[in-house]
Amino acid sequence: ACRDALAVSQHLKIIKTQDIKGTGKMTPSSGVQ
């Protein structure tokens, strides 16, 4: 469960920061921590 929690948290980071245009750039949305 610890590992799954770590994985889910990383997945959320990816979802929250991934460029949806598919450029592969990992940048947060403007003004968002």
PDB file of all heavy atoms in Angstrom:
ATOM      1  N   ALA A   1       0.831  -1.204   0.000  1.00  0.00           N
ATOM      2  CA  ALA A   1       0.000   0.000   0.000  1.00  0.00           C
ATOM      3  C   ALA A   1       0.866   1.254   0.000  1.00  0.00           C
ATOM      4  O   ALA A   1       0.513   2.267  -0.627  1.00  0.00           O
ATOM      5  CB  ALA A   1      -0.940  -0.004   1.200  1.00  0.00           C
ATOM      6  N   CYS A   2       2.008   1.198   0.698  1.00  0.00           N
ATOM      7  CA  CYS A   2       2.951   2.324   0.666  1.00  0.00           C
ATOM      8  C   CYS A   2       3.409   2.594  -0.763  1.00  0.00           C
ATOM      9  O   CYS A   2       3.433   3.747  -1.222  1.00  0.00           O
ATOM     10  CB  CYS A   2       4.159   2.024   1.549  1.00  0.00           C
ATOM     11  SG  CYS A   2       3.852   2.071   3.325  1.00  0.00           S
ATOM     12  N   ARG A   3       3.787   1.537  -1.471  1.00  0.00           N
ATOM     13  CA  ARG A   3       4.274   1.703  -2.854  1.00  0.00           C
ATOM     14  C   ARG A   3       3.168   2.200  -3.767  1.00  0.00           C
ATOM     15  O   ARG A   3       3.393   3.055  -4.636  1.00  0.00           O
ATOM     16  CB  ARG A   3       4.817   0.368  -3.364  1.00  0.00           C
ATOM     17  CG  ARG A   3       6.066  -0.066  -2.645  1.00  0.00           C
ATOM     18  CD  ARG A   3       6.461  -1.483  -3.032  1.00  0.00           C
ATOM     19  NE  ARG A   3       7.461  -1.950  -2.086  1.00  0.00           N
ATOM     20  CZ  ARG A   3       7.628  -3.208  -1.723  1.00  0.00           C
ATOM     21  NH1 ARG A   3       6.849  -4.152  -2.228  1.00  0.00           N
ATOM     22  NH2 ARG A   3       8.559  -3.533  -0.861  1.00  0.00           N
ATOM     23  N   ASP A   4       1.965   1.667  -3.580  1.00  0.00           N
ATOM     24  CA  ASP A   4       0.849   2.112  -4.413  1.00  0.00           C
ATOM     25  C   ASP A   4       0.526   3.578  -4.143  1.00  0.00           C
ATOM     26  O   ASP A   4       0.203   4.329  -5.061  1.00  0.00           O
ATOM     27  CB  ASP A   4      -0.377   1.238  -4.157  1.00  0.00           C
ATOM     28  CG  ASP A   4      -0.210  -0.176  -4.687  1.00  0.00           C
ATOM     29  OD1 ASP A   4       0.472  -0.349  -5.712  1.00  0.00           O
ATOM     30  OD2 ASP A   4      -0.745  -1.111  -4.067  1.00  0.00           O
ATOM     31  N   ALA A   5       0.624   3.990  -2.876  1.00  0.00           N
ATOM     32  CA  ALA A   5       0.383   5.394  -2.543  1.00  0.00           C
ATOM     33  C   ALA A   5       1.430   6.288  -3.184  1.00  0.00           C
ATOM     34  O   ALA A   5       1.122   7.383  -3.684  1.00  0.00           O
ATOM     35  CB  ALA A   5       0.381   5.581  -1.027  1.00  0.00           C
ATOM     36  N   LEU A   6       2.677   5.838  -3.188  1.00  0.00           N
ATOM     37  CA  LEU A   6       3.739   6.595  -3.858  1.00  0.00           C
ATOM     38  C   LEU A   6       3.471   6.699  -5.358  1.00  0.00           C
ATOM     39  O   LEU A   6       3.628   7.766  -5.954  1.00  0.00           O
ATOM     40  CB  LEU A   6       5.092   5.924  -3.613  1.00  0.00           C
ATOM     41  CG  LEU A   6       5.678   6.070  -2.205  1.00  0.00           C
ATOM     42  CD1 LEU A   6       6.818   5.083  -1.991  1.00  0.00           C
ATOM     43  CD2 LEU A   6       6.158   7.497  -1.978  1.00  0.00           C
ATOM     44  N   ALA A   7       3.049   5.592  -5.964  1.00  0.00           N
ATOM     45  CA  ALA A   7       2.789   5.594  -7.404  1.00  0.00           C
ATOM     46  C   ALA A   7       1.633   6.512  -7.756  1.00  0.00           C
ATOM     47  O   ALA A   7       1.714   7.301  -8.710  1.00  0.00           O
ATOM     48  CB  ALA A   7       2.505   4.171  -7.882  1.00  0.00           C
ATOM     49  N   VAL A   8       0.537   6.435  -6.996  1.00  0.00           N
ATOM     50  CA  VAL A   8      -0.615   7.293  -7.259  1.00  0.00           C
ATOM     51  C   VAL A   8      -0.228   8.756  -7.124  1.00  0.00           C
ATOM     52  O   VAL A   8      -0.622   9.608  -7.935  1.00  0.00           O
ATOM     53  CB  VAL A   8      -1.785   6.937  -6.317  1.00  0.00           C
ATOM     54  CG1 VAL A   8      -2.843   8.027  -6.320  1.00  0.00           C
ATOM     55  CG2 VAL A   8      -2.401   5.603  -6.727  1.00  0.00           C
ATOM     56  N   SER A   9       0.571   9.061  -6.107  1.00  0.00           N
ATOM     57  CA  SER A   9       0.987  10.445  -5.908  1.00  0.00           C
ATOM     58  C   SER A   9       1.844  10.940  -7.072  1.00  0.00           C
ATOM     59  O   SER A   9       1.709  12.082  -7.531  1.00  0.00           O
ATOM     60  CB  SER A   9       1.757  10.551  -4.589  1.00  0.00           C
ATOM     61  OG  SER A   9       1.864  11.890  -4.167  1.00  0.00           O
ATOM     62  N   GLN A  10       2.709  10.067  -7.580  1.00  0.00           N
ATOM     63  CA  GLN A  10       3.505  10.436  -8.766  1.00  0.00           C
ATOM     64  C   GLN A  10       2.622  10.597 -10.000  1.00  0.00           C
ATOM     65  O   GLN A  10       2.832  11.495 -10.819  1.00  0.00           O
ATOM     66  CB  GLN A  10       4.569   9.373  -9.024  1.00  0.00           C
ATOM     67  CG  GLN A  10       5.728   9.370  -8.042  1.00  0.00           C
ATOM     68  CD  GLN A  10       6.673  10.547  -8.235  1.00  0.00           C
ATOM     69  OE1 GLN A  10       6.508  11.367  -9.131  1.00  0.00           O
ATOM     70  NE2 GLN A  10       7.684  10.639  -7.378  1.00  0.00           N
ATOM     71  N   HIS A  11       1.625   9.736 -10.133  1.00  0.00           N
ATOM     72  CA  HIS A  11       0.706   9.854 -11.272  1.00  0.00           C
ATOM     73  C   HIS A  11      -0.053  11.179 -11.229  1.00  0.00           C
ATOM     74  O   HIS A  11      -0.272  11.821 -12.267  1.00  0.00           O
ATOM     75  CB  HIS A  11      -0.286   8.687 -11.264  1.00  0.00           C
ATOM     76  CG  HIS A  11       0.354   7.355 -11.477  1.00  0.00           C
ATOM     77  ND1 HIS A  11      -0.234   6.164 -11.091  1.00  0.00           N
ATOM     78  CD2 HIS A  11       1.548   7.011 -12.017  1.00  0.00           C
ATOM     79  CE1 HIS A  11       0.562   5.167 -11.390  1.00  0.00           C
ATOM     80  NE2 HIS A  11       1.650   5.649 -11.957  1.00  0.00           N
ATOM     81  N   LEU A  12      -0.440  11.592 -10.024  1.00  0.00           N
ATOM     82  CA  LEU A  12      -1.128  12.872  -9.892  1.00  0.00           C
ATOM     83  C   LEU A  12      -0.212  14.025 -10.282  1.00  0.00           C
ATOM     84  O   LEU A  12      -0.639  14.989 -10.927  1.00  0.00           O
ATOM     85  CB  LEU A  12      -1.619  13.055  -8.460  1.00  0.00           C
ATOM     86  CG  LEU A  12      -2.878  12.266  -8.102  1.00  0.00           C
ATOM     87  CD1 LEU A  12      -3.081  12.239  -6.595  1.00  0.00           C
ATOM     88  CD2 LEU A  12      -4.101  12.851  -8.790  1.00  0.00           C
ATOM     89  N   LYS A  13       1.066  13.924  -9.906  1.00  0.00           N
ATOM     90  CA  LYS A  13       2.019  14.968 -10.307  1.00  0.00           C
ATOM     91  C   LYS A  13       2.101  15.044 -11.830  1.00  0.00           C
ATOM     92  O   LYS A  13       2.103  16.133 -12.415  1.00  0.00           O
ATOM     93  CB  LYS A  13       3.393  14.672  -9.722  1.00  0.00           C
ATOM     94  CG  LYS A  13       4.461  15.668 -10.184  1.00  0.00           C
ATOM     95  CD  LYS A  13       5.843  15.268  -9.732  1.00  0.00           C
ATOM     96  CE  LYS A  13       6.883  16.238 -10.284  1.00  0.00           C
ATOM     97  NZ  LYS A  13       8.270  15.835  -9.907  1.00  0.00           N
ATOM     98  N   ILE A  14       2.157  13.890 -12.470  1.00  0.00           N
ATOM     99  CA  ILE A  14       2.245  13.857 -13.933  1.00  0.00           C
ATOM    100  C   ILE A  14       0.999  14.479 -14.558  1.00  0.00           C
ATOM    101  O   ILE A  14       1.069  15.314 -15.458  1.00  0.00           O
ATOM    102  CB  ILE A  14       2.441  12.406 -14.426  1.00  0.00           C
ATOM    103  CG1 ILE A  14       3.807  11.879 -13.977  1.00  0.00           C
ATOM    104  CG2 ILE A  14       2.307  12.327 -15.943  1.00  0.00           C
ATOM    105  CD1 ILE A  14       3.989  10.387 -14.187  1.00  0.00           C
ATOM    106  N   ILE A  15      -0.172  14.058 -14.052  1.00  0.00           N
ATOM    107  CA  ILE A  15      -1.432  14.576 -14.595  1.00  0.00           C
ATOM    108  C   ILE A  15      -1.529  16.084 -14.413  1.00  0.00           C
ATOM    109  O   ILE A  15      -1.986  16.814 -15.309  1.00  0.00           O
ATOM    110  CB  ILE A  15      -2.624  13.876 -13.921  1.00  0.00           C
ATOM    111  CG1 ILE A  15      -2.684  12.406 -14.336  1.00  0.00           C
ATOM    112  CG2 ILE A  15      -3.941  14.579 -14.257  1.00  0.00           C
ATOM    113  CD1 ILE A  15      -3.641  11.580 -13.527  1.00  0.00           C
ATOM    114  N   LYS A  16      -1.081  16.563 -13.255  1.00  0.00           N
ATOM    115  CA  LYS A  16      -1.216  17.981 -12.949  1.00  0.00           C
ATOM    116  C   LYS A  16      -0.192  18.857 -13.671  1.00  0.00           C
ATOM    117  O   LYS A  16      -0.343  20.078 -13.732  1.00  0.00           O
ATOM    118  CB  LYS A  16      -1.100  18.199 -11.438  1.00  0.00           C
ATOM    119  CG  LYS A  16      -2.279  17.651 -10.637  1.00  0.00           C
ATOM    120  CD  LYS A  16      -2.007  17.741  -9.141  1.00  0.00           C
ATOM    121  CE  LYS A  16      -3.144  17.154  -8.316  1.00  0.00           C
ATOM    122  NZ  LYS A  16      -4.367  17.960  -8.362  1.00  0.00           N
ATOM    123  N   THR A  17       0.874  18.250 -14.200  1.00  0.00           N
ATOM    124  CA  THR A  17       1.926  19.050 -14.811  1.00  0.00           C
ATOM    125  C   THR A  17       2.193  18.743 -16.279  1.00  0.00           C
ATOM    126  O   THR A  17       2.855  19.510 -16.962  1.00  0.00           O
ATOM    127  CB  THR A  17       3.250  18.861 -14.042  1.00  0.00           C
ATOM    128  OG1 THR A  17       3.619  17.475 -14.051  1.00  0.00           O
ATOM    129  CG2 THR A  17       3.109  19.332 -12.598  1.00  0.00           C
ATOM    130  N   GLN A  18       1.702  17.625 -16.759  1.00  0.00           N
ATOM    131  CA  GLN A  18       2.033  17.214 -18.124  1.00  0.00           C
ATOM    132  C   GLN A  18       1.400  18.128 -19.157  1.00  0.00           C
ATOM    133  O   GLN A  18       0.242  18.523 -19.049  1.00  0.00           O
ATOM    134  CB  GLN A  18       1.581  15.773 -18.352  1.00  0.00           C
ATOM    135  CG  GLN A  18       1.983  15.204 -19.706  1.00  0.00           C
ATOM    136  CD  GLN A  18       1.788  13.703 -19.735  1.00  0.00           C
ATOM    137  OE1 GLN A  18       2.516  12.971 -19.080  1.00  0.00           O
ATOM    138  NE2 GLN A  18       0.799  13.265 -20.458  1.00  0.00           N
ATOM    139  N   ASP A  19       2.162  18.461 -20.187  1.00  0.00           N
ATOM    140  CA  ASP A  19       1.660  19.282 -21.289  1.00  0.00           C
ATOM    141  C   ASP A  19       0.687  18.443 -22.122  1.00  0.00           C
ATOM    142  O   ASP A  19       1.088  17.464 -22.763  1.00  0.00           O
ATOM    143  CB  ASP A  19       2.839  19.753 -22.157  1.00  0.00           C
ATOM    144  CG  ASP A  19       2.403  20.723 -23.241  1.00  0.00           C
ATOM    145  OD1 ASP A  19       1.206  20.775 -23.587  1.00  0.00           O
ATOM    146  OD2 ASP A  19       3.278  21.424 -23.753  1.00  0.00           O
ATOM    147  N   ILE A  20      -0.595  18.812 -22.110  1.00  0.00           N
ATOM    148  CA  ILE A  20      -1.606  17.988 -22.780  1.00  0.00           C
ATOM    149  C   ILE A  20      -1.468  18.024 -24.298  1.00  0.00           C
ATOM    150  O   ILE A  20      -2.104  17.251 -25.004  1.00  0.00           O
ATOM    151  CB  ILE A  20      -3.028  18.418 -22.379  1.00  0.00           C
ATOM    152  CG1 ILE A  20      -3.292  19.874 -22.786  1.00  0.00           C
ATOM    153  CG2 ILE A  20      -3.265  18.199 -20.894  1.00  0.00           C
ATOM    154  CD1 ILE A  20      -4.730  20.308 -22.574  1.00  0.00           C
ATOM    155  N   LYS A  21      -0.622  18.932 -24.821  1.00  0.00           N
ATOM    156  CA  LYS A  21      -0.414  18.963 -26.267  1.00  0.00           C
ATOM    157  C   LYS A  21       0.499  17.838 -26.736  1.00  0.00           C
ATOM    158  O   LYS A  21       0.692  17.646 -27.933  1.00  0.00           O
ATOM    159  CB  LYS A  21       0.190  20.313 -26.671  1.00  0.00           C
ATOM    160  CG  LYS A  21      -0.752  21.501 -26.424  1.00  0.00           C
ATOM    161  CD  LYS A  21      -0.088  22.805 -26.821  1.00  0.00           C
ATOM    162  CE  LYS A  21      -1.031  23.983 -26.539  1.00  0.00           C
ATOM    163  NZ  LYS A  21      -0.396  25.290 -26.875  1.00  0.00           N
ATOM    164  N   GLY A  22       1.065  17.117 -25.777  1.00  0.00           N
ATOM    165  CA  GLY A  22       1.889  15.978 -26.147  1.00  0.00           C
ATOM    166  C   GLY A  22       3.303  16.343 -26.526  1.00  0.00           C
ATOM    167  O   GLY A  22       3.986  15.574 -27.213  1.00  0.00           O
ATOM    168  N   THR A  23       3.773  17.501 -26.111  1.00  0.00           N
ATOM    169  CA  THR A  23       5.139  17.896 -26.449  1.00  0.00           C
ATOM    170  C   THR A  23       6.158  17.193 -25.581  1.00  0.00           C
ATOM    171  O   THR A  23       7.345  17.202 -25.880  1.00  0.00           O
ATOM    172  CB  THR A  23       5.317  19.416 -26.264  1.00  0.00           C
ATOM    173  OG1 THR A  23       5.152  19.740 -24.888  1.00  0.00           O
ATOM    174  CG2 THR A  23       4.306  20.176 -27.098  1.00  0.00           C
ATOM    175  N   GLY A  24       5.677  16.615 -24.465  1.00  0.00           N
ATOM    176  CA  GLY A  24       6.594  15.959 -23.553  1.00  0.00           C
ATOM    177  C   GLY A  24       7.175  16.893 -22.519  1.00  0.00           C
ATOM    178  O   GLY A  24       7.898  16.475 -21.619  1.00  0.00           O
ATOM    179  N   LYS A  25       6.888  18.183 -22.616  1.00  0.00           N
ATOM    180  CA  LYS A  25       7.392  19.133 -21.635  1.00  0.00           C
ATOM    181  C   LYS A  25       6.588  19.012 -20.342  1.00  0.00           C
ATOM    182  O   LYS A  25       5.372  18.960 -20.370  1.00  0.00           O
ATOM    183  CB  LYS A  25       7.299  20.556 -22.176  1.00  0.00           C
ATOM    184  CG  LYS A  25       8.178  20.807 -23.397  1.00  0.00           C
ATOM    185  CD  LYS A  25       8.003  22.241 -23.889  1.00  0.00           C
ATOM    186  CE  LYS A  25       8.866  22.494 -25.111  1.00  0.00           C
ATOM    187  NZ  LYS A  25       8.674  23.877 -25.634  1.00  0.00           N
ATOM    188  N   MET A  26       7.292  18.982 -19.237  1.00  0.00           N
ATOM    189  CA  MET A  26       6.647  18.825 -17.946  1.00  0.00           C
ATOM    190  C   MET A  26       6.712  20.147 -17.196  1.00  0.00           C
ATOM    191  O   MET A  26       7.645  20.417 -16.447  1.00  0.00           O
ATOM    192  CB  MET A  26       7.334  17.722 -17.142  1.00  0.00           C
ATOM    193  CG  MET A  26       7.354  16.377 -17.857  1.00  0.00           C
ATOM    194  SD  MET A  26       5.718  15.661 -18.005  1.00  0.00           S
ATOM    195  CE  MET A  26       5.452  15.168 -16.328  1.00  0.00           C
ATOM    196  N   THR A  27       5.753  21.008 -17.442  1.00  0.00           N
ATOM    197  CA  THR A  27       5.746  22.309 -16.777  1.00  0.00           C
ATOM    198  C   THR A  27       4.399  22.530 -16.130  1.00  0.00           C
ATOM    199  O   THR A  27       3.357  22.213 -16.707  1.00  0.00           O
ATOM    200  CB  THR A  27       6.008  23.439 -17.789  1.00  0.00           C
ATOM    201  OG1 THR A  27       5.050  23.354 -18.851  1.00  0.00           O
ATOM    202  CG2 THR A  27       7.406  23.321 -18.377  1.00  0.00           C
ATOM    203  N   PRO A  28       4.385  23.078 -14.934  1.00  0.00           N
ATOM    204  CA  PRO A  28       3.103  23.335 -14.272  1.00  0.00           C
ATOM    205  C   PRO A  28       2.348  24.438 -14.978  1.00  0.00           C
ATOM    206  O   PRO A  28       2.923  25.270 -15.676  1.00  0.00           O
ATOM    207  CB  PRO A  28       3.525  23.766 -12.865  1.00  0.00           C
ATOM    208  CG  PRO A  28       4.917  24.282 -13.015  1.00  0.00           C
ATOM    209  CD  PRO A  28       5.538  23.478 -14.121  1.00  0.00           C
ATOM    210  N   SER A  29       1.040  24.428 -14.814  1.00  0.00           N
ATOM    211  CA  SER A  29       0.212  25.470 -15.403  1.00  0.00           C
ATOM    212  C   SER A  29       0.620  26.826 -14.844  1.00  0.00           C
ATOM    213  O   SER A  29       1.134  26.942 -13.729  1.00  0.00           O
ATOM    214  CB  SER A  29      -1.262  25.204 -15.089  1.00  0.00           C
ATOM    215  OG  SER A  29      -1.646  23.938 -15.579  1.00  0.00           O
ATOM    216  N   SER A  30       0.408  27.857 -15.613  1.00  0.00           N
ATOM    217  CA  SER A  30       0.810  29.205 -15.231  1.00  0.00           C
ATOM    218  C   SER A  30       0.199  29.600 -13.887  1.00  0.00           C
ATOM    219  O   SER A  30      -1.000  29.475 -13.682  1.00  0.00           O
ATOM    220  CB  SER A  30       0.374  30.202 -16.307  1.00  0.00           C
ATOM    221  OG  SER A  30       0.669  31.517 -15.920  1.00  0.00           O
ATOM    222  N   GLY A  31       1.051  30.062 -12.980  1.00  0.00           N
ATOM    223  CA  GLY A  31       0.583  30.545 -11.692  1.00  0.00           C
ATOM    224  C   GLY A  31       0.255  29.477 -10.682  1.00  0.00           C
ATOM    225  O   GLY A  31      -0.185  29.779  -9.574  1.00  0.00           O
ATOM    226  N   VAL A  32       0.459  28.198 -11.036  1.00  0.00           N
ATOM    227  CA  VAL A  32       0.132  27.091 -10.135  1.00  0.00           C
ATOM    228  C   VAL A  32       1.424  26.526  -9.559  1.00  0.00           C
ATOM    229  O   VAL A  32       2.380  26.270 -10.284  1.00  0.00           O
ATOM    230  CB  VAL A  32      -0.644  25.985 -10.881  1.00  0.00           C
ATOM    231  CG1 VAL A  32      -0.910  24.807  -9.956  1.00  0.00           C
ATOM    232  CG2 VAL A  32      -1.937  26.535 -11.446  1.00  0.00           C
ATOM    233  N   GLN A  33       1.441  26.357  -8.251  1.00  0.00           N
ATOM    234  CA  GLN A  33       2.610  25.778  -7.610  1.00  0.00           C
ATOM    235  C   GLN A  33       2.788  24.326  -8.061  1.00  0.00           C
ATOM    236  O   GLN A  33       1.813  23.586  -8.185  1.00  0.00           O
ATOM    237  CB  GLN A  33       2.456  25.825  -6.092  1.00  0.00           C
ATOM    238  CG  GLN A  33       2.559  27.221  -5.497  1.00  0.00           C
ATOM    239  CD  GLN A  33       3.940  27.816  -5.656  1.00  0.00           C
ATOM    240  OE1 GLN A  33       4.950  27.132  -5.500  1.00  0.00           O
ATOM    241  NE2 GLN A  33       3.984  29.098  -6.007  1.00  0.00           N
TER     242      GLN A  33
END
